[in-house]
Protein backbone atom coordinates (compact mmCIF):
# COMPACT_ATOMS: atom_id res chain seq x y z
CA MET A 1 89.61 63.78 68.64
CA THR A 2 88.86 67.49 68.51
CA THR A 3 85.49 68.68 69.79
CA LYS A 4 83.53 71.05 67.56
CA ALA A 5 81.74 74.15 68.81
CA ASP A 6 78.24 72.74 68.28
CA SER A 7 79.02 69.87 70.69
CA LEU A 8 80.54 72.07 73.41
CA GLU A 9 78.40 73.08 76.35
CA ASN A 10 80.91 74.51 78.84
CA VAL A 11 84.29 76.08 78.14
CA VAL A 12 86.51 77.09 81.04
CA ILE A 13 89.51 79.37 80.58
CA VAL A 14 92.01 79.29 83.43
CA GLY A 15 93.78 82.65 83.53
CA ALA A 16 92.31 86.15 83.24
CA SER A 17 95.17 87.96 81.54
CA ALA A 18 95.91 88.66 77.87
CA ALA A 19 95.98 85.07 76.58
CA GLY A 20 92.85 83.98 78.43
CA LEU A 21 90.75 86.97 77.41
CA SER A 22 91.92 86.66 73.81
CA ALA A 23 91.02 82.97 73.85
CA ALA A 24 87.47 83.98 74.80
CA ASP A 25 87.44 86.37 71.84
CA GLY A 26 88.59 83.56 69.56
CA LEU A 27 85.88 81.22 70.87
CA ARG A 28 83.14 83.70 70.07
CA GLU A 29 84.67 84.60 66.72
CA GLY A 30 84.90 80.90 65.89
CA GLY A 31 81.18 80.38 66.42
CA TYR A 32 80.96 78.99 69.94
CA ASP A 33 77.93 80.56 71.64
CA GLY A 34 77.76 78.57 74.88
CA PRO A 35 78.94 79.53 78.39
CA ILE A 36 82.50 80.75 78.89
CA ILE A 37 83.89 80.96 82.41
CA ILE A 38 87.23 82.66 83.02
CA LEU A 39 88.96 81.94 86.32
CA GLY A 40 91.40 84.60 87.57
CA ASP A 41 93.61 84.29 90.64
CA GLU A 42 93.98 88.04 91.24
CA ARG A 43 91.13 90.18 92.55
CA HIS A 44 91.93 93.09 90.23
CA GLU A 45 89.94 93.44 87.05
CA PRO A 46 92.17 92.21 84.18
CA TYR A 47 94.75 94.90 83.44
CA ASP A 48 97.58 95.68 81.05
CA ARG A 49 100.52 94.19 82.98
CA PRO A 50 103.45 95.50 80.83
CA THR A 51 102.54 99.10 81.63
CA LEU A 52 103.76 98.53 85.20
CA SER A 53 107.36 98.88 84.02
CA LYS A 54 106.82 100.63 80.69
CA LYS A 55 104.67 103.53 81.86
CA LEU A 56 103.14 103.47 85.33
CA LEU A 57 106.41 103.40 87.26
CA ALA A 58 107.33 106.79 85.81
CA SER A 59 103.85 108.29 86.22
CA GLN A 60 102.98 110.86 88.83
CA GLY A 61 100.32 110.32 91.48
CA GLU A 62 98.28 107.17 91.88
CA PRO A 63 98.93 104.86 88.89
CA GLN A 64 95.86 104.18 86.79
CA LEU A 65 95.65 100.61 85.55
CA HIS A 66 94.47 100.13 81.99
CA ALA A 67 91.66 97.58 81.90
CA LEU A 68 91.98 94.85 79.28
CA ARG A 69 88.22 94.32 79.22
CA THR A 70 85.38 96.22 80.78
CA ARG A 71 82.64 94.37 82.63
CA GLU A 72 80.19 95.68 80.04
CA ARG A 73 82.20 94.14 77.18
CA LEU A 74 82.44 90.80 78.97
CA GLU A 75 78.72 90.79 79.71
CA ALA A 76 77.94 91.63 76.09
CA ALA A 77 80.01 88.60 75.04
CA ASP A 78 78.26 86.47 77.70
CA VAL A 79 81.57 85.75 79.44
CA THR A 80 81.57 85.07 83.18
CA LEU A 81 84.69 86.36 84.94
CA LEU A 82 85.39 84.86 88.38
CA LEU A 83 88.15 86.80 90.13
CA GLY A 84 89.96 85.47 93.17
CA HIS A 85 89.43 81.89 91.96
CA ARG A 86 92.90 80.34 91.75
CA ALA A 87 92.94 76.94 90.04
CA VAL A 88 94.68 74.25 92.08
CA GLY A 89 93.88 71.11 90.10
CA LEU A 90 92.55 69.69 86.85
CA ASP A 91 90.48 66.48 86.82
CA VAL A 92 90.70 65.22 83.25
CA ASP A 93 88.53 62.15 83.90
CA ARG A 94 85.49 63.89 85.38
CA HIS A 95 86.19 67.17 83.55
CA TYR A 96 86.48 69.59 86.49
CA VAL A 97 88.76 72.51 87.28
CA VAL A 98 89.23 72.60 91.04
CA THR A 99 89.80 75.99 92.67
CA GLU A 100 91.33 76.96 96.00
CA ASN A 101 87.84 77.92 97.13
CA GLY A 102 86.78 74.28 96.87
CA ASP A 103 84.74 74.77 93.69
CA ALA A 104 84.66 72.11 90.98
CA VAL A 105 83.97 73.91 87.69
CA PRO A 106 82.79 71.58 84.89
CA TRP A 107 84.14 71.77 81.34
CA ASP A 108 83.82 70.17 77.93
CA ALA A 109 86.92 72.07 76.85
CA VAL A 110 89.43 73.90 78.99
CA ILE A 111 92.05 76.42 77.85
CA VAL A 112 95.00 76.80 80.20
CA ALA A 113 96.22 80.41 80.09
CA THR A 114 97.81 80.77 83.53
CA GLY A 115 100.86 82.61 82.20
CA SER A 116 104.08 82.83 84.15
CA ARG A 117 105.47 84.20 87.39
CA PRO A 118 108.76 85.98 88.10
CA ARG A 119 111.65 84.00 89.46
CA THR A 120 113.01 85.49 92.63
CA LEU A 121 115.93 85.12 95.02
CA VAL A 122 115.75 84.39 98.72
CA THR A 123 117.92 86.09 101.33
CA THR A 124 120.02 84.15 103.82
CA GLU A 125 117.20 84.92 106.24
CA ALA A 126 114.82 83.00 103.92
CA GLU A 127 112.93 86.13 102.79
CA PRO A 128 112.01 86.38 99.09
CA LEU A 129 113.28 89.55 97.40
CA PRO A 130 110.81 91.90 95.68
CA VAL A 131 109.78 91.46 92.03
CA LEU A 132 107.55 93.55 89.73
CA ARG A 133 104.47 91.67 88.61
CA THR A 134 101.38 93.20 90.24
CA PRO A 135 100.07 96.64 91.21
CA ALA A 136 101.04 95.84 94.81
CA ASP A 137 104.62 95.20 93.66
CA LEU A 138 104.60 98.54 91.84
CA HIS A 139 103.47 100.32 95.00
CA VAL A 140 106.30 98.76 97.01
CA LEU A 141 108.89 99.77 94.40
CA ARG A 142 107.67 103.35 94.12
CA GLU A 143 107.60 103.76 97.90
CA ALA A 144 111.11 102.33 98.25
CA ALA A 145 112.55 104.52 95.49
CA ALA A 146 111.07 107.63 97.09
CA ARG A 147 112.21 106.65 100.57
CA TYR A 148 115.75 105.44 99.90
CA GLY A 149 116.74 107.19 96.66
CA HIS A 150 118.76 104.12 95.62
CA VAL A 151 117.58 100.87 94.05
CA THR A 152 119.62 97.85 92.99
CA LEU A 153 118.27 95.73 90.14
CA ILE A 154 119.34 92.11 89.80
CA GLY A 155 118.86 91.07 86.19
CA ALA A 156 119.09 93.10 82.97
CA GLY A 157 116.12 91.81 81.02
CA LEU A 158 113.40 93.98 79.53
CA ILE A 159 111.79 94.71 82.90
CA GLY A 160 115.10 95.42 84.64
CA LEU A 161 116.24 97.85 81.95
CA GLU A 162 112.86 99.59 81.76
CA VAL A 163 112.83 100.04 85.53
CA ALA A 164 116.42 101.33 85.44
CA ALA A 165 115.53 103.89 82.77
CA SER A 166 112.40 105.04 84.62
CA LEU A 167 114.08 105.39 88.01
CA SER A 168 117.27 107.06 86.81
CA GLY A 169 115.11 109.58 84.97
CA HIS A 170 113.55 110.50 88.33
CA GLN A 171 116.81 111.20 90.14
CA VAL A 172 117.03 107.78 91.76
CA GLU A 173 120.47 106.16 91.95
CA VAL A 174 120.35 102.82 90.16
CA THR A 175 122.75 99.89 90.26
CA LEU A 176 122.17 97.06 87.81
CA ILE A 177 123.75 93.63 88.35
CA ASN A 178 123.80 91.03 85.58
CA ASP A 179 125.76 87.85 85.01
CA LEU A 180 126.22 88.59 81.28
CA ASP A 181 128.48 91.33 79.92
CA LEU A 182 125.77 92.56 77.55
CA PRO A 183 122.19 93.20 78.65
CA LEU A 184 119.54 91.61 76.43
CA ARG A 185 122.12 90.11 74.09
CA ASN A 186 119.83 87.20 73.19
CA VAL A 187 116.93 89.57 72.46
CA LEU A 188 118.63 92.53 70.77
CA GLY A 189 121.78 90.92 69.39
CA ALA A 190 125.32 91.89 70.38
CA PRO A 191 125.70 95.21 68.50
CA VAL A 192 122.37 96.64 69.71
CA ALA A 193 122.97 95.29 73.23
CA GLU A 194 126.27 97.17 73.29
CA GLU A 195 124.41 100.36 72.36
CA VAL A 196 121.86 99.76 75.14
CA ARG A 197 124.63 99.19 77.67
CA GLU A 198 126.27 102.48 76.74
CA LEU A 199 122.89 104.24 76.80
CA HIS A 200 122.31 103.25 80.43
CA SER A 201 125.87 104.11 81.38
CA ARG A 202 125.52 107.60 79.90
CA HIS A 203 122.40 108.12 82.02
CA GLY A 204 124.20 107.34 85.24
CA VAL A 205 123.22 103.71 85.86
CA ASP A 206 125.99 101.88 87.73
CA LEU A 207 126.45 98.70 85.69
CA LEU A 208 127.93 95.67 87.41
CA LEU A 209 128.04 93.26 84.47
CA GLY A 210 129.63 89.86 84.10
CA VAL A 211 129.14 89.05 87.77
CA SER A 212 126.54 86.89 89.48
CA VAL A 213 124.90 87.13 92.88
CA GLU A 214 126.20 84.54 95.35
CA SER A 215 123.99 85.51 98.30
CA VAL A 216 121.90 88.36 99.73
CA SER A 217 121.45 89.17 103.39
CA GLY A 218 119.60 91.86 105.31
CA GLY A 219 116.34 93.60 104.52
CA PRO A 220 114.82 96.84 103.21
CA GLY A 221 117.05 99.74 104.15
CA SER A 222 120.18 97.60 104.52
CA TYR A 223 120.96 94.78 102.10
CA SER A 224 124.35 93.15 101.58
CA VAL A 225 124.95 91.42 98.24
CA GLN A 226 127.85 89.02 97.85
CA LEU A 227 129.06 88.87 94.24
CA SER A 228 130.94 86.19 92.31
CA ASN A 229 134.00 88.44 91.94
CA GLY A 230 134.45 88.47 95.72
CA SER A 231 133.12 91.98 96.26
CA THR A 232 130.21 93.08 98.46
CA HIS A 233 127.55 95.47 97.23
CA ARG A 234 125.47 97.33 99.82
CA THR A 235 122.11 98.84 98.96
CA SER A 236 118.86 99.98 100.50
CA PHE A 237 116.44 98.16 98.19
CA ILE A 238 116.57 95.32 95.68
CA LEU A 239 114.28 94.39 92.81
CA VAL A 240 114.79 91.03 91.08
CA GLY A 241 114.18 90.54 87.35
CA ILE A 242 115.83 87.26 86.36
CA GLY A 243 113.18 85.73 84.14
CA VAL A 244 109.92 83.87 84.66
CA ASP A 245 108.63 80.34 85.21
CA ALA A 246 105.46 78.89 83.73
CA ASN A 247 102.49 78.64 86.10
CA ASP A 248 102.00 74.93 85.54
CA GLU A 249 102.59 73.45 89.00
CA TRP A 250 98.84 73.25 89.66
CA LEU A 251 98.68 70.67 86.84
CA ASP A 252 101.10 68.20 88.43
CA GLY A 253 99.53 64.75 88.46
CA SER A 254 96.76 65.74 86.05
CA GLY A 255 98.01 63.62 83.18
CA LEU A 256 98.98 66.61 81.05
CA ALA A 257 102.44 66.54 79.50
CA LEU A 258 104.49 69.24 81.24
CA ASP A 259 107.96 70.52 80.42
CA GLU A 260 108.39 73.92 82.05
CA GLY A 261 104.98 74.68 80.64
CA VAL A 262 102.09 72.76 79.08
CA VAL A 263 103.32 70.87 76.02
CA VAL A 264 101.06 71.61 73.03
CA ASP A 265 101.08 70.87 69.33
CA ALA A 266 101.09 73.53 66.64
CA ALA A 267 97.32 74.00 67.02
CA GLY A 268 97.54 74.54 70.79
CA ARG A 269 96.24 71.12 71.88
CA ALA A 270 97.63 69.35 74.93
CA ASN A 271 98.02 65.57 75.09
CA VAL A 272 94.62 65.18 76.84
CA PRO A 273 91.50 65.53 74.62
CA GLY A 274 89.61 68.75 75.24
CA VAL A 275 92.58 70.52 76.87
CA TRP A 276 94.36 73.42 75.20
CA ALA A 277 96.99 75.92 76.34
CA ALA A 278 97.87 79.43 75.19
CA GLY A 279 100.35 82.22 75.92
CA ASP A 280 103.34 82.12 78.27
CA VAL A 281 102.37 78.78 79.81
CA ALA A 282 102.27 76.92 76.47
CA ARG A 283 105.36 75.07 75.25
CA LEU A 284 105.11 74.81 71.46
CA LEU A 285 106.39 71.54 70.05
CA SER A 286 106.63 73.01 66.57
CA HIS A 287 106.63 76.40 64.89
CA PRO A 288 107.69 77.30 61.33
CA SER A 289 110.23 79.96 62.32
CA LEU A 290 111.25 79.04 65.89
CA PRO A 291 113.39 76.29 67.39
CA ALA A 292 111.48 73.14 68.34
CA SER A 293 109.98 73.01 71.83
CA THR A 294 109.90 76.63 72.86
CA ARG A 295 107.92 79.03 75.01
CA VAL A 296 107.31 82.64 74.01
CA GLU A 297 106.95 85.11 76.87
CA HIS A 298 105.91 88.31 75.12
CA TRP A 299 102.64 90.20 75.47
CA THR A 300 101.69 90.27 71.79
CA HIS A 301 102.26 86.52 71.52
CA ALA A 302 99.86 85.95 74.42
CA ILE A 303 97.14 87.92 72.61
CA GLU A 304 97.67 86.36 69.18
CA HIS A 305 98.19 82.81 70.42
CA GLY A 306 95.21 83.02 72.77
CA ARG A 307 92.89 84.08 69.96
CA HIS A 308 94.29 81.39 67.66
CA VAL A 309 93.72 78.64 70.22
CA GLY A 310 90.20 79.91 70.90
CA LEU A 311 89.39 79.75 67.19
CA ASN A 312 90.70 76.20 66.90
CA ALA A 313 88.80 75.08 69.98
CA ALA A 314 85.55 76.61 68.70
CA ARG A 315 85.82 75.31 65.14
CA GLY A 316 87.29 71.90 65.92
CA THR A 317 90.21 72.71 63.65
CA SER A 318 93.94 72.14 63.98
CA VAL A 319 95.31 75.16 62.14
CA PRO A 320 99.01 75.56 63.07
CA TYR A 321 100.04 78.74 64.84
CA ALA A 322 102.66 80.70 62.91
CA GLY A 323 102.72 84.10 64.64
CA VAL A 324 106.14 85.74 64.87
CA PRO A 325 107.32 86.74 68.37
CA TYR A 326 107.30 90.50 68.84
CA PHE A 327 108.53 92.83 71.57
CA TRP A 328 109.03 96.52 72.13
CA THR A 329 110.68 98.54 74.84
CA GLU A 330 111.21 102.24 75.43
CA GLN A 331 114.25 103.49 77.31
CA TYR A 332 115.35 107.13 77.65
CA GLY A 333 113.08 108.16 74.80
CA ARG A 334 114.37 105.49 72.41
CA ARG A 335 111.94 102.84 71.30
CA PHE A 336 113.23 99.43 70.24
CA HIS A 337 111.12 96.87 68.35
CA GLY A 338 111.89 93.32 67.35
CA TYR A 339 110.38 90.39 65.48
CA GLY A 340 111.60 86.80 65.50
CA ARG A 341 114.24 85.19 67.67
CA ILE A 342 118.01 85.69 67.36
CA ARG A 343 120.19 82.57 67.38
CA PRO A 344 123.78 82.29 68.70
CA ASP A 345 125.51 81.98 65.30
CA ASP A 346 123.55 84.72 63.54
CA THR A 347 125.22 87.49 61.59
CA ALA A 348 123.98 91.05 62.03
CA LEU A 349 123.49 93.25 58.98
CA PHE A 350 122.54 96.93 59.27
CA VAL A 351 120.29 97.85 56.36
CA GLU A 352 119.16 101.23 57.66
CA GLY A 353 121.23 103.66 59.70
CA SER A 354 124.04 102.55 61.98
CA LEU A 355 124.87 102.38 65.66
CA GLY A 356 125.04 105.83 67.14
CA ASP A 357 122.24 107.10 64.90
CA GLU A 358 118.85 108.01 66.30
CA GLU A 359 117.29 105.37 64.04
CA TYR A 360 118.60 102.13 62.61
CA LEU A 361 117.45 98.66 61.60
CA VAL A 362 119.40 95.41 61.73
CA LEU A 363 118.69 91.94 60.34
CA TYR A 364 119.84 88.70 61.98
CA GLY A 365 120.25 85.39 60.20
CA SER A 366 122.53 82.62 58.96
CA ASP A 367 122.74 80.05 56.14
CA ASP A 368 120.33 82.08 54.00
CA GLU A 369 117.74 82.10 56.81
CA LEU A 370 116.26 85.27 58.29
CA HIS A 371 115.72 84.78 62.01
CA ALA A 372 114.98 88.23 63.42
CA VAL A 373 114.82 91.95 62.82
CA VAL A 374 115.48 94.64 65.44
CA SER A 375 114.99 98.36 65.02
CA CYS A 376 115.51 101.54 66.93
CA GLY A 377 112.84 103.96 65.78
CA CYS A 378 112.32 102.49 62.29
CA VAL A 379 108.77 101.31 62.90
CA ARG A 380 107.48 101.72 59.35
CA SER A 381 110.31 99.62 57.93
CA LEU A 382 109.43 96.59 60.03
CA ARG A 383 106.32 95.46 58.18
CA GLY A 384 108.07 93.99 55.16
CA TYR A 385 110.52 91.99 57.24
CA ARG A 386 107.74 90.71 59.47
CA LYS A 387 106.03 89.26 56.41
CA VAL A 388 109.24 87.47 55.42
CA LEU A 389 109.49 85.97 58.91
CA GLU A 390 105.82 84.94 58.89
CA ARG A 391 106.32 82.82 55.78
CA ASN A 392 109.67 81.53 57.06
CA GLY A 393 111.35 83.36 54.21
CA SER A 394 115.03 83.49 53.35
CA TRP A 395 117.84 85.95 53.97
CA ARG A 396 117.78 86.71 50.26
CA GLU A 397 114.11 87.70 50.47
CA ALA A 398 114.91 90.02 53.37
CA LEU A 399 117.62 91.70 51.32
CA ASP A 400 115.13 92.09 48.48
CA VAL A 401 112.84 93.95 50.90
CA ALA A 402 115.74 96.21 51.84
CA ARG A 403 116.63 96.89 48.20
CA HIS A 404 113.01 97.53 47.32
CA THR A 405 112.82 100.24 49.95
CA ASN A 406 116.19 101.65 48.82
CA LEU A 407 117.73 101.09 52.20
CA VAL A 408 120.79 99.04 51.28
CA GLY A 409 123.88 100.89 50.22
CA ASP A 410 127.10 100.51 52.13
CA VAL A 411 126.19 98.11 54.94
CA ALA A 412 128.10 97.09 58.02
CA LEU A 413 128.46 93.43 58.95
CA HIS A 414 128.83 92.39 62.58
CA THR A 415 129.26 88.95 64.08
CA ASN A 416 126.64 88.55 66.77
C-alpha cells in the first residue's frame, strides 16, 4: 500500500547528488510539507559531478565546483542536509536508516538515491588504479598530467573520451585502451562511433582498440600494462573508466530486491512498502521505450527520475516513469547529443547532414520502431524526435518529423 503525503511524518533520502536533491523537490512539489532529511556520504556540498570531466579538467587554476543547491535554498525548502553520513544499513521493520556514525534515522518513507561508483582495476601489487569521480580524483589527475605529460586511459566511455579530449588539448600525450574496436558504439551507434574514433586519432590520441588489459603492475611514474595481444604498454599514469556499479551493497540483507541496483516498478517503488529508489541505483522493471529490467546512468535521468519518484511518494500515486534517456558530450569543440537507447540490430538513417559534416543527425530503429536519435550540433532538430520517443512512437512517425522539417532528401542508410 502506498503512503500518502498527509500520513507521512519523516522522509529520509539517502544520497545527496542529483537524484536525491530532485526527489526532495518532487516531495515538496507533490504537497509533502513534513521533515526531509538527506544523508550524503561526501563532505562536499552537493556539486555538479559531470563537470569534472566535461569542464573542470580543462580549466585553469583551482577548479570551482558548481553547487547543485545552496544552503539557503535547502533551508527555504525546510530540507536538512547531513553531509559525511554514509548509510550502512536499512532496517525495514523498525524503519531506520543506520549510518556509519552509529545514527539510526527514522523514516515513514525512504528514497534510495545512492547512485553508482566507478569500477576500477587493481595492480598486481593490490593497489586500486585511479578513477575520476570526486574533486580529490580530479586533483590527482591534474597533478599527474602536469608532472608526467603522459596519461593512459583504460576505457573509452563518455568520461574516458572527454578526459582524452581535454588532456590532448593541453599538450598532454594520451593513450586510450579499449577492448572494443569502436568507442561508445552502444551509445552513439557504429557510424558516429567511427567518426569519434577518427576525431581522437586526428588530435593525436594513441588509440589501442580491440585489446583488453590482462594485468597492471607498478605505480605512479612507472606502470607496466600487459595487453591481450601479448604486448606491454608502459606509462607514467593510468586513469580507469570502465563503467560503474550501483551503490546498493549497503542494502544487503535488508529485504529489498536487489539486482545490480534496487529493483523498482514503473512508479519507483521497491518491493518493501515505503521504500523507493531513484537515479543510477534504480533498476527499472518496466519502461515504455526501454528494454525490460534496465538501469539508466545519465545525469538528466537522475534529475527527472528523482523528481518523479518524489512526486509519487508525496501524492501516494503510482504514475509510471516514461522519461527518455538523454546524454551529451563535448569533444574538440563538437557537441554530441542523444535520446533513447540504441539496440544491436538497429539501422542508422541520416536525415540531416552526413558524416564528415560539422552537423548531422541520425535516427536508429528497427521493425518500424524508433529507438534513439543522435546528433552532432543539430540541437534544435532534436525536440521533435524526443517527443516521438516519449510516446513510444514509430519509425514512420520519426520520418514524418523529418519530412515536416524538410530534412529528408537523399538519405544514407548504414547498418549499425
